[in-house]
Amino acid sequence: MAATQPHAAALKVPRGRTATGAIDYLTLTFAELATEVAGWRAHLRAKGVVTGDRVLVMVRQGLPLIASVFALFSLGAIPIVIDPGMGRRRFLECVRRSRPRVLLGIPVAQVLSHLFRRAFNTVKVRVHVSGNALHRIATHGAAHANLEIVPRAARDLAAILFTSGSTGAPKGVCYEHGMFEAQVTMIRDTYGITPGEIDLPMLPVFALFNPALGLTTIVPEIDPSRPATVDPRKIVQAIQQEQVTNTFGSPTLWLKIAQHCRDHAITLPSLRRVLSAGAPVPPALWTAMSQILPNGELHSPYGATEALPVSTIAAREVLAGTADATRTGAGTCVGHIVPPNEVRIIPITDTALASLQDLPLLPAGEIGEIIVRGPTVTQLYDALPEATARAKIPADAGEAADTRNWHRLGDAGYRDDSGRLWFCGRIAERVVLEDGTSLFPDQVEPLFNSHPSIRRTALIAVGPTDRQQAGLVIEPTNTRTVRSDAARRALAAELCQLARDHRHASRVHLFYFHPNLPVDVRHNAKIHRLALARWAASVTGYDSGGPD
């Protein structure tokens, strides 16, 4: 891109406001960004970073992240990226298990490495990075043609990215160079993205795709460790001022932005597409976004850190019927499979699988576990052989030697008659009733979420494993309205009446109230239902008749 569009803007980093209130950006062209990458490469090599090194990257989003990661790729080193907000204990365990030889970090990261030496004991090289997101390292007279690249093969390890850990401990996912190349191709072709477009990525790691796609990256004014604190006014201003055409953000962030747009009668005509993922997009958001995107459309790619994208769906298809089906218990439609991925539905089991040969494939409409294989599907977890064995299914005997493993997404779902994929919920979060019936969050929660007094809900299992009951934890839109036992009892009765004729939701009779459901840090959207189940064991639940 530096060769084909050298003078086009590659990166814009906010650095304040002008006298008129406009966002003031530091702007780098593609040629300048390539020069910056070359400068980083020279700096890292001078500090002792070599091909094959594992490098823990703890830098600011935007320029430091993009320039340093591409410099590491050019050196043949392996960046390790861990979410900063997952909590200290989990973060340190991820560091310990990933065994970095190099720490590339801002001052607070360097201090952390000395305070917790046991987790960082494999670090032999420390490369200090300014905490200023605008800091440039390159000599301005350098030429991007000086950027040397160590050849890498498609199956060579490229990076280690960590899962969010919403239903367990975060795991390091091993990405190969060929997977990144395939992702760039699939994202470009699936969404019709063209060089010259302008992107505002509200998940920092997604900004790494933009230089390869030829997009201008607008760094958002958002704290990646606390995305829920985003100021929607700043996001809207950036979109309007820079004429952003593409953006990614979780459903939680876009609900907040959409509400701001509705409250102030704002539309965003420059946007061609909004991508939202990290949790199922609620029906209300599809409707809201259609009103503020006169020239664009909301899309929801489905997948996981281990496999992305698997499938995708657009607003026109959702609003034409799948949203109504979601509200009545069908689950969430996540659309058509992105080629060349293969997706199958297999019976739910908690045991490792050595092969698919003796396992029946479930027909359309029958819920099972979703598995996928394809060029972007990762093959193993870093230093976790047991987790790899549980999550991967080897190719069958007789298939080509280079055929890739299947990945078990850990999600329950089904294919409909037209081949579309439907998501019902995480398998670990299902509720198995005493009669053997399984209830899944996305077949229960949407009905209750339609009640005007409810912001969101979480289906949980209550009681011992062999005698589970279905409980629902409610986050009310206004906690003041449900402070008394009488108010809670009345709302529980309304919900029981609402679910009376609903095949799945009618099995829920026990209700709990929580002021703010716990969610993941990365997307601020995935509800921690297992943590809520543990919490519910020590508080009072209500049914239509009162406390249980």
Protein backbone atom coordinates (compact mmCIF):
# COMPACT_ATOMS: atom_id res chain seq x y z
CA MET A 1 0.00 0.00 0.00
CA ALA A 2 2.93 2.32 0.67
CA ALA A 3 4.02 1.71 -2.93
CA THR A 4 0.59 1.93 -4.59
CA GLN A 5 -0.92 4.83 -2.58
CA PRO A 6 2.06 6.46 -0.79
CA HIS A 7 0.43 9.87 -0.25
CA ALA A 8 -2.95 8.61 0.99
CA ALA A 9 -3.65 9.01 4.70
CA ALA A 10 -2.95 5.75 6.54
CA LEU A 11 -3.41 6.77 10.16
CA LYS A 12 -4.94 9.65 12.10
CA VAL A 13 -4.33 9.89 15.85
CA PRO A 14 -6.32 12.43 17.90
CA ARG A 15 -4.19 14.96 19.79
CA GLY A 16 -6.74 17.50 21.02
CA ARG A 17 -9.16 20.06 19.64
CA THR A 18 -8.68 23.04 17.35
CA ALA A 19 -9.94 26.53 18.19
CA THR A 20 -13.18 25.69 16.38
CA GLY A 21 -13.75 22.47 18.33
CA ALA A 22 -12.74 20.10 15.52
CA ILE A 23 -10.63 17.05 16.39
CA ASP A 24 -6.96 17.75 15.71
CA TYR A 25 -5.20 14.70 14.29
CA LEU A 26 -1.62 13.68 13.76
CA THR A 27 -1.78 12.29 10.21
CA LEU A 28 0.61 9.80 8.62
CA THR A 29 0.50 8.79 4.98
CA PHE A 30 1.12 5.18 3.96
CA ALA A 31 4.69 6.10 2.99
CA GLU A 32 5.23 7.75 6.37
CA LEU A 33 3.70 4.79 8.20
CA ALA A 34 6.00 2.42 6.31
CA THR A 35 8.92 4.65 7.31
CA GLU A 36 7.74 4.47 10.90
CA VAL A 37 7.60 0.66 10.70
CA ALA A 38 11.14 0.63 9.29
CA GLY A 39 12.28 2.81 12.17
CA TRP A 40 10.67 0.49 14.70
CA ARG A 41 12.28 -2.50 13.04
CA ALA A 42 15.73 -0.96 13.25
CA HIS A 43 15.14 0.05 16.87
CA LEU A 44 13.93 -3.41 17.89
CA ARG A 45 16.79 -5.15 16.12
CA ALA A 46 19.28 -2.83 17.82
CA LYS A 47 17.77 -3.77 21.20
CA GLY A 48 18.32 -7.48 20.47
CA VAL A 49 14.97 -8.65 19.09
CA VAL A 50 15.53 -11.50 16.64
CA THR A 51 13.49 -13.80 14.41
CA GLY A 52 11.36 -16.21 16.45
CA ASP A 53 11.29 -14.07 19.59
CA ARG A 54 8.04 -13.97 21.54
CA VAL A 55 7.33 -10.30 22.25
CA LEU A 56 4.73 -9.17 24.78
CA VAL A 57 3.26 -5.97 23.31
CA MET A 58 2.00 -3.48 25.90
CA VAL A 59 1.75 -0.18 24.02
CA ARG A 60 -0.90 2.44 23.27
CA GLN A 61 -3.50 1.86 20.59
CA GLY A 62 -3.02 3.54 17.24
CA LEU A 63 0.47 4.44 16.01
CA PRO A 64 2.57 2.49 18.57
CA LEU A 65 0.46 -0.67 18.20
CA ILE A 66 0.32 -0.68 14.39
CA ALA A 67 3.93 0.34 13.79
CA SER A 68 5.46 -2.00 16.37
CA VAL A 69 3.41 -5.06 15.38
CA PHE A 70 4.19 -4.68 11.67
CA ALA A 71 7.85 -4.17 12.57
CA LEU A 72 7.77 -7.41 14.56
CA PHE A 73 6.18 -9.20 11.58
CA SER A 74 8.96 -7.89 9.34
CA LEU A 75 11.54 -9.26 11.79
CA GLY A 76 9.82 -12.64 11.97
CA ALA A 77 9.16 -12.08 15.70
CA ILE A 78 5.90 -13.12 17.36
CA PRO A 79 3.77 -10.41 19.01
CA ILE A 80 1.73 -11.47 22.04
CA VAL A 81 -1.39 -9.36 22.63
CA ILE A 82 -3.32 -9.67 25.90
CA ASP A 83 -6.39 -7.62 26.88
CA PRO A 84 -5.31 -5.06 29.51
CA GLY A 85 -8.59 -5.13 31.41
CA MET A 86 -9.05 -8.85 32.14
CA GLY A 87 -7.91 -8.49 35.75
CA ARG A 88 -4.45 -8.72 37.28
CA ARG A 89 -4.49 -12.42 38.22
CA ARG A 90 -5.67 -13.56 34.80
CA PHE A 91 -3.33 -11.19 33.00
CA LEU A 92 -0.28 -12.42 34.90
CA GLU A 93 -1.21 -16.05 34.26
CA CYS A 94 -1.44 -15.29 30.52
CA VAL A 95 1.99 -13.67 30.62
CA ARG A 96 3.51 -16.59 32.49
CA ARG A 97 2.09 -19.17 30.10
CA SER A 98 3.05 -17.27 26.92
CA ARG A 99 6.76 -17.13 27.95
CA PRO A 100 7.81 -13.86 26.26
CA ARG A 101 11.55 -13.26 25.77
CA VAL A 102 10.94 -9.58 25.03
CA LEU A 103 8.73 -7.00 26.75
CA LEU A 104 7.83 -4.10 24.48
CA GLY A 105 5.99 -1.79 26.82
CA ILE A 106 5.11 1.64 28.13
CA PRO A 107 6.51 2.69 31.56
CA VAL A 108 3.66 1.21 33.60
CA ALA A 109 4.18 -2.13 31.84
CA GLN A 110 7.87 -2.08 32.69
CA VAL A 111 7.08 -1.36 36.34
CA LEU A 112 4.55 -4.18 36.37
CA SER A 113 7.18 -6.59 35.05
CA HIS A 114 9.46 -5.82 38.00
CA LEU A 115 6.69 -5.99 40.59
CA PHE A 116 5.56 -9.41 39.37
CA ARG A 117 8.86 -10.98 38.43
CA ARG A 118 7.60 -14.56 38.62
CA ALA A 119 5.15 -14.04 35.75
CA PHE A 120 7.76 -12.15 33.70
CA ASN A 121 10.72 -14.39 34.53
CA THR A 122 11.28 -15.40 30.89
CA VAL A 123 11.78 -11.76 29.81
CA LYS A 124 15.42 -11.16 28.87
CA VAL A 125 15.03 -8.02 26.75
CA ARG A 126 13.08 -4.91 27.74
CA VAL A 127 12.27 -2.34 25.08
CA HIS A 128 10.90 0.84 26.62
CA VAL A 129 8.17 2.69 24.72
CA SER A 130 6.90 6.18 25.40
CA GLY A 131 3.47 6.32 26.98
CA ASN A 132 2.54 9.01 24.45
CA ALA A 133 0.31 7.60 21.71
CA LEU A 134 1.66 10.27 19.33
CA HIS A 135 5.33 9.39 19.81
CA ARG A 136 7.19 8.75 16.55
CA ILE A 137 10.37 6.72 16.51
CA ALA A 138 11.46 6.93 12.87
CA THR A 139 13.99 9.35 11.40
CA HIS A 140 11.93 11.50 9.08
CA GLY A 141 14.51 11.26 6.30
CA ALA A 142 14.34 7.46 6.19
CA ALA A 143 12.75 5.74 3.22
CA HIS A 144 10.21 2.96 3.52
CA ALA A 145 12.11 1.07 0.83
CA ASN A 146 14.64 0.25 3.55
CA LEU A 147 12.13 -2.02 5.29
CA GLU A 148 13.55 -5.52 5.10
CA ILE A 149 11.23 -8.46 5.61
CA VAL A 150 12.24 -11.87 6.94
CA PRO A 151 10.49 -14.47 4.74
CA ARG A 152 7.80 -16.44 6.55
CA ALA A 153 5.83 -19.52 5.47
CA ALA A 154 2.03 -19.74 5.67
CA ARG A 155 2.16 -22.23 8.57
CA ASP A 156 4.74 -20.23 10.59
CA LEU A 157 3.56 -18.83 13.90
CA ALA A 158 2.68 -15.15 13.42
CA ALA A 159 1.13 -14.00 16.71
CA ILE A 160 -0.53 -15.11 19.93
CA LEU A 161 -3.87 -13.46 20.69
CA PHE A 162 -5.87 -14.23 23.80
CA THR A 163 -9.54 -15.15 24.09
CA SER A 164 -11.77 -12.99 26.28
CA GLY A 165 -12.26 -15.76 28.87
CA SER A 166 -16.00 -15.15 29.17
CA THR A 167 -16.74 -18.82 30.01
CA GLY A 168 -13.35 -19.85 31.39
CA ALA A 169 -9.73 -18.85 31.67
CA PRO A 170 -8.36 -16.82 28.71
CA LYS A 171 -6.35 -18.95 26.28
CA GLY A 172 -3.55 -17.96 23.93
CA VAL A 173 -4.59 -18.60 20.32
CA CYS A 174 -1.79 -19.37 17.87
CA TYR A 175 -2.19 -17.43 14.62
CA GLU A 176 -0.22 -18.38 11.53
CA HIS A 177 0.81 -15.94 8.79
CA GLY A 178 -1.43 -17.71 6.28
CA MET A 179 -4.42 -17.20 8.58
CA PHE A 180 -3.91 -13.44 8.68
CA GLU A 181 -3.60 -13.35 4.89
CA ALA A 182 -6.83 -15.38 4.57
CA GLN A 183 -8.62 -13.09 7.01
CA VAL A 184 -7.68 -10.00 5.03
CA THR A 185 -9.01 -11.63 1.85
CA MET A 186 -12.24 -12.89 3.44
CA ILE A 187 -13.04 -9.56 5.14
CA ARG A 188 -12.34 -7.60 1.95
CA ASP A 189 -14.40 -9.88 -0.29
CA THR A 190 -17.30 -10.45 2.12
CA TYR A 191 -17.96 -6.77 2.80
CA GLY A 192 -16.75 -5.24 -0.47
CA ILE A 193 -14.10 -3.12 1.23
CA THR A 194 -11.89 -1.11 -1.13
CA PRO A 195 -8.63 0.84 -0.69
CA GLY A 196 -9.21 4.49 0.14
CA GLU A 197 -12.05 3.88 2.59
CA ILE A 198 -11.91 5.33 6.10
CA ASP A 199 -12.26 3.10 9.16
CA LEU A 200 -12.83 3.82 12.85
CA PRO A 201 -12.10 0.56 14.74
CA MET A 202 -13.39 0.49 18.33
CA LEU A 203 -11.40 -2.68 19.07
CA PRO A 204 -7.69 -1.76 18.78
CA VAL A 205 -6.49 -5.09 17.40
CA PHE A 206 -8.87 -4.75 14.43
CA ALA A 207 -6.89 -1.69 13.32
CA LEU A 208 -4.09 -4.06 12.29
CA PHE A 209 -6.12 -5.19 9.26
CA ASN A 210 -6.44 -1.67 7.88
CA PRO A 211 -2.95 -1.09 6.44
CA ALA A 212 -3.23 -4.36 4.49
CA LEU A 213 -6.69 -3.36 3.22
CA GLY A 214 -5.55 0.13 2.21
CA LEU A 215 -7.90 1.85 4.69
CA THR A 216 -7.30 5.07 6.56
CA THR A 217 -7.42 4.29 10.29
CA ILE A 218 -9.07 6.90 12.52
CA VAL A 219 -7.99 6.11 16.09
CA PRO A 220 -11.10 6.49 18.29
CA GLU A 221 -11.14 8.42 21.55
CA ILE A 222 -11.89 5.40 23.69
CA ASP A 223 -10.17 3.63 26.58
CA PRO A 224 -9.64 0.01 25.40
CA SER A 225 -9.52 -1.22 29.00
CA ARG A 226 -12.89 0.43 29.79
CA PRO A 227 -14.92 0.55 26.57
CA ALA A 228 -18.20 1.07 28.45
CA THR A 229 -17.03 4.57 29.38
CA VAL A 230 -17.00 5.69 25.74
CA ASP A 231 -18.43 9.12 25.08
CA PRO A 232 -20.74 8.66 22.07
CA ARG A 233 -20.41 12.35 21.19
CA LYS A 234 -16.71 11.87 20.44
CA ILE A 235 -17.35 8.82 18.26
CA VAL A 236 -20.09 10.59 16.31
CA GLN A 237 -17.91 13.69 15.88
CA ALA A 238 -15.05 11.58 14.47
CA ILE A 239 -17.40 9.79 12.05
CA GLN A 240 -18.89 13.05 10.82
CA GLN A 241 -15.67 15.05 10.64
CA GLU A 242 -13.58 12.39 8.90
CA GLN A 243 -16.41 11.00 6.75
CA VAL A 244 -15.83 7.49 8.10
CA THR A 245 -17.14 4.76 5.81
CA ASN A 246 -16.52 1.66 7.94
CA THR A 247 -16.45 0.97 11.67
CA PHE A 248 -16.41 -1.94 14.10
CA GLY A 249 -17.85 -1.94 17.61
CA SER A 250 -19.63 -4.27 20.00
CA PRO A 251 -23.44 -4.23 20.32
CA THR A 252 -23.11 -2.52 23.71
CA LEU A 253 -21.11 0.36 22.25
CA TRP A 254 -23.45 0.77 19.30
CA LEU A 255 -26.54 0.72 21.50
CA LYS A 256 -25.02 3.67 23.35
CA ILE A 257 -24.09 5.50 20.14
CA ALA A 258 -27.45 4.78 18.51
CA GLN A 259 -29.30 6.15 21.55
CA HIS A 260 -27.25 9.34 21.34
CA CYS A 261 -28.06 9.66 17.63
CA ARG A 262 -31.78 9.12 18.25
CA ASP A 263 -31.83 11.63 21.12
CA HIS A 264 -30.25 14.31 18.92
CA ALA A 265 -31.83 13.41 15.55
CA ILE A 266 -28.43 12.54 14.07
CA THR A 267 -27.87 10.38 11.01
CA LEU A 268 -24.50 9.12 9.76
CA PRO A 269 -24.69 9.27 5.95
CA SER A 270 -20.96 8.63 5.32
CA LEU A 271 -21.08 5.13 6.82
CA ARG A 272 -21.37 2.33 4.26
CA ARG A 273 -21.18 -0.46 6.81
CA VAL A 274 -21.08 -0.96 10.56
CA LEU A 275 -19.72 -4.29 11.78
CA SER A 276 -20.86 -5.37 15.23
CA ALA A 277 -19.82 -8.55 17.03
CA GLY A 278 -18.62 -9.91 20.35
CA ALA A 279 -22.14 -10.90 21.41
CA PRO A 280 -25.44 -11.37 19.57
CA VAL A 281 -26.83 -8.12 18.19
CA PRO A 282 -30.22 -7.55 19.91
CA PRO A 283 -33.28 -7.02 17.68
CA ALA A 284 -33.68 -3.43 18.92
CA LEU A 285 -30.23 -2.45 17.65
CA TRP A 286 -30.95 -3.69 14.13
CA THR A 287 -33.97 -1.42 14.00
CA ALA A 288 -32.18 1.56 15.55
CA MET A 289 -29.23 1.36 13.17
CA SER A 290 -31.46 1.22 10.10
CA GLN A 291 -32.76 4.66 11.12
CA ILE A 292 -29.35 6.33 11.47
CA LEU A 293 -27.59 4.75 8.45
CA PRO A 294 -29.32 6.25 5.38
CA ASN A 295 -26.56 5.07 3.04
CA GLY A 296 -25.23 2.06 4.92
CA GLU A 297 -26.10 -1.13 6.72
CA LEU A 298 -25.35 -2.93 9.95
CA HIS A 299 -23.62 -6.30 9.57
CA SER A 300 -22.84 -8.86 12.25
CA PRO A 301 -19.97 -11.27 11.59
CA TYR A 302 -20.05 -14.43 13.73
CA GLY A 303 -16.99 -16.28 14.95
CA ALA A 304 -14.46 -16.38 17.75
CA THR A 305 -10.85 -15.49 18.41
CA GLU A 306 -10.04 -18.99 17.14
CA ALA A 307 -12.09 -18.66 13.94
CA LEU A 308 -13.17 -15.39 12.36
CA PRO A 309 -15.23 -14.79 10.32
CA VAL A 310 -17.39 -17.94 10.23
CA SER A 311 -20.64 -16.43 8.95
CA THR A 312 -22.25 -13.02 8.55
CA ILE A 313 -25.70 -11.44 8.38
CA ALA A 314 -26.92 -8.00 7.33
CA ALA A 315 -29.73 -5.81 8.62
CA ARG A 316 -32.01 -6.29 5.61
CA GLU A 317 -32.20 -10.04 6.28
CA VAL A 318 -32.68 -9.61 10.01
CA LEU A 319 -35.43 -7.02 9.68
CA ALA A 320 -37.16 -9.14 7.03
CA GLY A 321 -37.89 -11.87 9.56
CA THR A 322 -35.11 -13.28 11.71
CA ALA A 323 -35.52 -10.59 14.40
CA ASP A 324 -39.14 -11.65 14.99
CA ALA A 325 -38.03 -15.28 15.17
CA THR A 326 -35.36 -14.35 17.73
CA ARG A 327 -37.94 -12.69 19.98
CA THR A 328 -40.04 -15.85 19.97
CA GLY A 329 -37.33 -18.36 20.78
CA ALA A 330 -35.59 -19.37 17.55
CA GLY A 331 -32.19 -18.14 18.69
CA THR A 332 -30.11 -15.54 16.87
CA CYS A 333 -29.57 -15.95 13.14
CA VAL A 334 -25.89 -15.34 12.36
CA GLY A 335 -26.37 -15.71 8.63
CA HIS A 336 -24.75 -17.53 5.76
CA ILE A 337 -21.38 -19.24 5.99
CA VAL A 338 -18.48 -17.18 4.64
CA PRO A 339 -16.71 -19.21 1.93
CA PRO A 340 -14.53 -21.23 1.89
CA ASN A 341 -15.42 -22.18 5.49
CA GLU A 342 -17.13 -25.50 6.22
CA VAL A 343 -19.59 -25.68 9.11
CA ARG A 344 -21.22 -28.75 10.65
CA ILE A 345 -23.54 -29.37 13.60
CA ILE A 346 -22.64 -32.32 15.84
CA PRO A 347 -24.27 -33.78 19.00
CA ILE A 348 -23.35 -31.90 22.18
CA THR A 349 -20.74 -33.66 24.27
CA ASP A 350 -18.28 -32.45 26.88
CA THR A 351 -15.63 -35.01 25.93
CA ALA A 352 -12.70 -34.65 23.54
CA LEU A 353 -13.24 -36.02 20.03
CA ALA A 354 -10.48 -37.75 18.09
CA SER A 355 -12.49 -38.00 14.87
CA LEU A 356 -15.81 -37.24 13.20
CA GLN A 357 -15.98 -40.62 11.51
CA ASP A 358 -18.36 -42.27 13.98
CA LEU A 359 -20.26 -39.12 14.92
CA PRO A 360 -23.63 -38.35 13.31
CA LEU A 361 -24.10 -34.95 11.69
CA LEU A 362 -27.35 -33.35 12.82
CA PRO A 363 -30.02 -32.42 10.26
CA ALA A 364 -31.40 -28.93 9.65
CA GLY A 365 -33.32 -27.57 12.63
CA GLU A 366 -31.69 -29.79 15.27
CA ILE A 367 -29.57 -28.04 17.90
CA GLY A 368 -26.03 -29.27 18.46
CA GLU A 369 -22.49 -27.95 18.73
CA ILE A 370 -21.19 -25.74 15.91
CA ILE A 371 -17.85 -26.79 14.44
CA VAL A 372 -15.90 -25.11 11.64
CA ARG A 373 -12.80 -25.51 9.54
CA GLY A 374 -11.27 -23.21 6.98
CA PRO A 375 -8.23 -21.07 6.19
CA THR A 376 -8.72 -18.71 9.14
CA VAL A 377 -9.43 -21.43 11.73
CA THR A 378 -6.60 -21.73 14.26
CA GLN A 379 -5.12 -25.13 14.98
CA LEU A 380 -3.98 -25.02 18.60
CA TYR A 381 -3.76 -23.09 21.85
CA ASP A 382 -0.41 -21.97 23.15
CA ALA A 383 1.01 -24.29 25.85
CA LEU A 384 -2.42 -25.83 26.53
CA PRO A 385 -2.43 -29.33 24.99
CA GLU A 386 -5.51 -30.48 26.93
CA ALA A 387 -7.52 -27.43 25.83
CA THR A 388 -6.37 -28.02 22.26
CA ALA A 389 -7.52 -31.66 22.44
CA ARG A 390 -10.95 -30.61 23.71
CA ALA A 391 -11.43 -27.87 21.12
CA LYS A 392 -9.97 -29.44 17.97
CA ILE A 393 -11.07 -32.46 15.94
CA PRO A 394 -8.43 -33.89 13.60
CA ALA A 395 -9.21 -34.40 9.92
CA ASP A 396 -10.51 -37.88 9.12
CA ALA A 397 -8.27 -40.62 7.82
CA GLY A 398 -8.25 -40.57 4.05
CA GLU A 399 -8.39 -36.77 3.78
CA ALA A 400 -5.43 -34.92 2.31
CA ALA A 401 -2.39 -34.68 4.59
CA ASP A 402 -2.61 -30.88 4.75
CA THR A 403 -6.35 -30.83 5.62
CA ARG A 404 -6.91 -28.57 8.62
CA ASN A 405 -8.49 -29.55 11.93
CA TRP A 406 -12.07 -28.73 12.86
CA HIS A 407 -12.57 -26.21 15.66
CA ARG A 408 -15.33 -26.71 18.21
CA LEU A 409 -16.72 -23.25 18.84
CA GLY A 410 -18.33 -24.24 22.15
CA ASP A 411 -21.57 -22.73 20.85
CA ALA A 412 -24.92 -24.42 20.44
CA GLY A 413 -26.82 -23.80 17.25
CA TYR A 414 -28.40 -25.25 14.12
CA ARG A 415 -28.71 -24.78 10.35
CA ASP A 416 -32.08 -23.90 8.86
CA ASP A 417 -33.46 -25.23 5.58
CA SER A 418 -31.78 -22.44 3.61
CA GLY A 419 -28.38 -23.21 5.12
CA ARG A 420 -28.28 -20.22 7.45
CA LEU A 421 -26.63 -20.65 10.84
CA TRP A 422 -28.51 -19.91 14.08
CA PHE A 423 -26.79 -19.33 17.43
CA CYS A 424 -28.57 -20.48 20.59
CA GLY A 425 -25.94 -19.82 23.26
CA ARG A 426 -22.72 -21.04 24.79
CA ILE A 427 -22.85 -24.74 25.62
CA ALA A 428 -21.25 -24.11 29.01
CA GLU A 429 -24.12 -21.73 29.82
CA ARG A 430 -27.01 -24.01 28.93
CA VAL A 431 -29.46 -25.08 31.62
CA VAL A 432 -30.30 -28.80 31.69
CA LEU A 433 -33.59 -29.32 33.52
CA GLU A 434 -34.41 -32.41 35.56
CA ASP A 435 -36.44 -33.90 32.70
CA GLY A 436 -33.43 -33.60 30.36
CA THR A 437 -34.64 -30.51 28.49
CA SER A 438 -31.87 -28.06 27.59
CA LEU A 439 -32.53 -24.33 27.65
CA PHE A 440 -30.17 -21.95 25.85
CA PRO A 441 -29.75 -18.23 26.59
CA ASP A 442 -30.53 -16.94 23.11
CA GLN A 443 -33.78 -18.88 22.99
CA VAL A 444 -34.98 -17.50 26.33
CA GLU A 445 -33.56 -14.05 27.04
CA PRO A 446 -34.84 -12.14 23.96
CA LEU A 447 -38.48 -12.60 24.98
CA PHE A 448 -37.87 -11.19 28.46
CA ASN A 449 -35.65 -8.42 27.08
CA SER A 450 -38.65 -7.09 25.17
CA HIS A 451 -40.30 -6.01 28.46
CA PRO A 452 -40.02 -2.21 28.86
CA SER A 453 -38.82 -2.47 32.47
CA ILE A 454 -35.85 -4.67 31.54
CA ARG A 455 -32.52 -3.58 30.10
CA ARG A 456 -31.10 -7.10 29.71
CA THR A 457 -31.31 -10.54 31.28
CA ALA A 458 -29.19 -13.63 31.86
CA LEU A 459 -30.40 -17.23 31.93
CA ILE A 460 -28.67 -19.21 34.70
CA ALA A 461 -28.78 -22.68 36.21
CA VAL A 462 -29.97 -22.84 39.82
CA GLY A 463 -29.43 -25.81 42.11
CA PRO A 464 -27.38 -29.01 41.89
CA THR A 465 -26.35 -30.41 38.52
CA ASP A 466 -28.84 -33.28 38.56
CA ARG A 467 -31.78 -31.07 39.65
CA GLN A 468 -31.22 -27.79 37.85
CA GLN A 469 -33.88 -25.12 37.68
CA ALA A 470 -33.89 -22.27 35.20
CA GLY A 471 -33.36 -18.86 36.74
CA LEU A 472 -33.32 -15.44 35.12
CA VAL A 473 -31.19 -12.57 36.37
CA ILE A 474 -32.74 -9.22 35.50
CA GLU A 475 -30.96 -5.91 35.02
CA PRO A 476 -33.82 -3.38 35.19
CA THR A 477 -33.87 -0.22 33.13
CA ASN A 478 -34.40 1.70 36.40
CA THR A 479 -33.36 0.08 39.68
CA ARG A 480 -35.58 2.47 41.66
CA THR A 481 -38.71 0.86 40.24
CA VAL A 482 -37.88 -2.59 41.70
CA ARG A 483 -36.52 -1.72 45.13
CA SER A 484 -39.36 -3.27 47.13
CA ASP A 485 -40.31 -6.91 47.42
CA ALA A 486 -43.77 -6.04 46.17
CA ALA A 487 -42.39 -4.44 42.98
CA ARG A 488 -40.10 -7.37 42.31
CA ARG A 489 -42.89 -9.86 42.93
CA ALA A 490 -45.15 -7.94 40.55
CA LEU A 491 -42.53 -7.86 37.79
CA ALA A 492 -41.86 -11.59 38.25
CA ALA A 493 -45.59 -12.25 37.82
CA GLU A 494 -45.67 -10.12 34.65
CA LEU A 495 -42.75 -12.04 33.23
CA CYS A 496 -44.36 -15.39 33.99
CA GLN A 497 -47.48 -14.20 32.18
CA LEU A 498 -45.40 -12.92 29.23
CA ALA A 499 -43.71 -16.32 28.88
CA ARG A 500 -46.83 -18.43 29.44
CA ASP A 501 -47.14 -19.62 25.83
CA HIS A 502 -43.43 -19.61 25.05
CA ARG A 503 -41.89 -23.08 24.62
CA HIS A 504 -38.56 -22.19 26.22
CA ALA A 505 -39.14 -19.14 28.42
CA SER A 506 -42.20 -20.70 30.11
CA ARG A 507 -39.81 -23.07 31.92
CA VAL A 508 -38.35 -20.12 33.87
CA HIS A 509 -40.07 -19.47 37.21
CA LEU A 510 -37.29 -18.08 39.37
CA PHE A 511 -36.15 -14.46 38.99
CA TYR A 512 -33.24 -12.48 40.45
CA PHE A 513 -32.46 -8.78 40.30
CA HIS A 514 -29.01 -7.33 39.68
CA PRO A 515 -28.15 -3.64 39.15
CA ASN A 516 -25.45 -4.20 36.54
CA LEU A 517 -24.79 -7.57 34.92
CA PRO A 518 -21.06 -8.42 34.74
CA VAL A 519 -19.69 -8.47 31.19
CA ASP A 520 -16.39 -9.03 29.41
CA VAL A 521 -13.91 -6.17 29.11
CA ARG A 522 -13.10 -6.62 25.43
CA HIS A 523 -16.59 -6.04 24.01
CA ASN A 524 -18.50 -5.05 27.15
CA ALA A 525 -21.23 -7.29 25.77
CA LYS A 526 -20.71 -10.94 26.76
CA ILE A 527 -22.59 -11.55 30.01
CA HIS A 528 -20.77 -13.65 32.60
CA ARG A 529 -23.66 -16.04 33.26
CA LEU A 530 -21.59 -18.60 35.14
CA ALA A 531 -20.45 -15.91 37.58
CA LEU A 532 -24.07 -14.83 38.02
CA ALA A 533 -25.09 -18.41 38.79
CA ARG A 534 -22.55 -18.47 41.63
CA TRP A 535 -23.82 -15.09 42.84
CA ALA A 536 -27.45 -16.23 42.77
CA ALA A 537 -26.68 -19.06 45.19
CA SER A 538 -26.39 -16.52 48.01
CA VAL A 539 -29.28 -14.14 47.27
CA THR A 540 -33.08 -14.24 47.23
CA GLY A 541 -34.92 -15.31 44.11
CA TYR A 542 -38.52 -14.47 43.27
CA ASP A 543 -41.21 -16.39 41.48
CA SER A 544 -44.71 -15.16 40.70
CA GLY A 545 -45.69 -15.83 44.28
CA GLY A 546 -42.75 -14.14 46.06
CA PRO A 547 -39.32 -15.05 47.46
CA ASP A 548 -38.26 -18.67 46.83
